[in-house]
Amino acid sequence: MTKAIRQLAVTGERAAANAADEFVADQMKSLAQAFRAQAEVMKKNKKNKKKKK
């Protein structure tokens, strides 16, 4: 799941680079950043879950 979210971030960054509208580009960059943050949270939660066992 984390890998898929990171892939979405990469796709969002590519879309931002190709966007003609500056507003849309900023939105896509923000979305990519949010995806990366979510992936990090999921990774930390998975590590913590393994530690508890």
Protein backbone atom coordinates (compact mmCIF):
# COMPACT_ATOMS: atom_id res chain seq x y z
CA MET A 1 0.00 0.00 0.00
CA THR A 2 2.80 2.40 0.87
CA LYS A 3 4.47 1.72 -2.45
CA ALA A 4 1.26 2.54 -4.33
CA ILE A 5 0.86 5.83 -2.46
CA ARG A 6 4.45 6.80 -3.28
CA GLN A 7 3.77 6.00 -6.93
CA LEU A 8 0.77 8.35 -6.80
CA ALA A 9 3.08 11.05 -5.44
CA VAL A 10 5.45 10.59 -8.37
CA THR A 11 2.54 10.74 -10.81
CA GLY A 12 1.27 13.92 -9.16
CA GLU A 13 4.67 15.55 -9.45
CA ARG A 14 4.84 14.67 -13.14
CA ALA A 15 1.38 16.10 -13.68
CA ALA A 16 2.41 19.28 -11.87
CA ALA A 17 5.42 19.67 -14.12
CA ASN A 18 3.26 19.31 -17.22
CA ALA A 19 0.37 21.50 -16.05
CA ALA A 20 -0.15 24.67 -18.01
CA ASP A 21 -2.07 26.40 -15.22
CA GLU A 22 0.00 27.52 -12.23
CA PHE A 23 -2.89 26.95 -9.80
CA VAL A 24 -3.33 23.37 -10.96
CA ALA A 25 0.42 22.78 -10.74
CA ASP A 26 0.47 24.01 -7.13
CA GLN A 27 -2.49 21.79 -6.28
CA MET A 28 -0.78 18.75 -7.77
CA LYS A 29 2.45 19.51 -5.89
CA SER A 30 0.49 19.79 -2.64
CA LEU A 31 -1.26 16.52 -3.37
CA ALA A 32 2.05 14.77 -4.07
CA GLN A 33 3.47 16.13 -0.81
CA ALA A 34 0.41 14.87 1.08
CA PHE A 35 0.80 11.42 -0.49
CA ARG A 36 4.43 11.28 0.61
CA ALA A 37 3.51 12.30 4.15
CA GLN A 38 0.80 9.65 4.28
CA ALA A 39 3.23 7.00 3.06
CA GLU A 40 5.69 7.94 5.81
CA VAL A 41 2.97 7.69 8.47
CA MET A 42 1.96 4.27 7.19
CA LYS A 43 5.59 3.13 7.23
CA LYS A 44 6.06 4.30 10.83
CA ASN A 45 2.84 2.62 11.93
CA LYS A 46 3.92 -0.63 10.32
CA LYS A 47 7.31 -0.48 12.07
CA ASN A 48 5.69 0.25 15.43
CA LYS A 49 3.27 -2.61 14.96
CA LYS A 50 6.15 -5.03 14.32
CA LYS A 51 8.02 -3.75 17.40
CA LYS A 52 5.05 -4.45 19.69
CA LYS A 53 4.89 -8.13 18.71
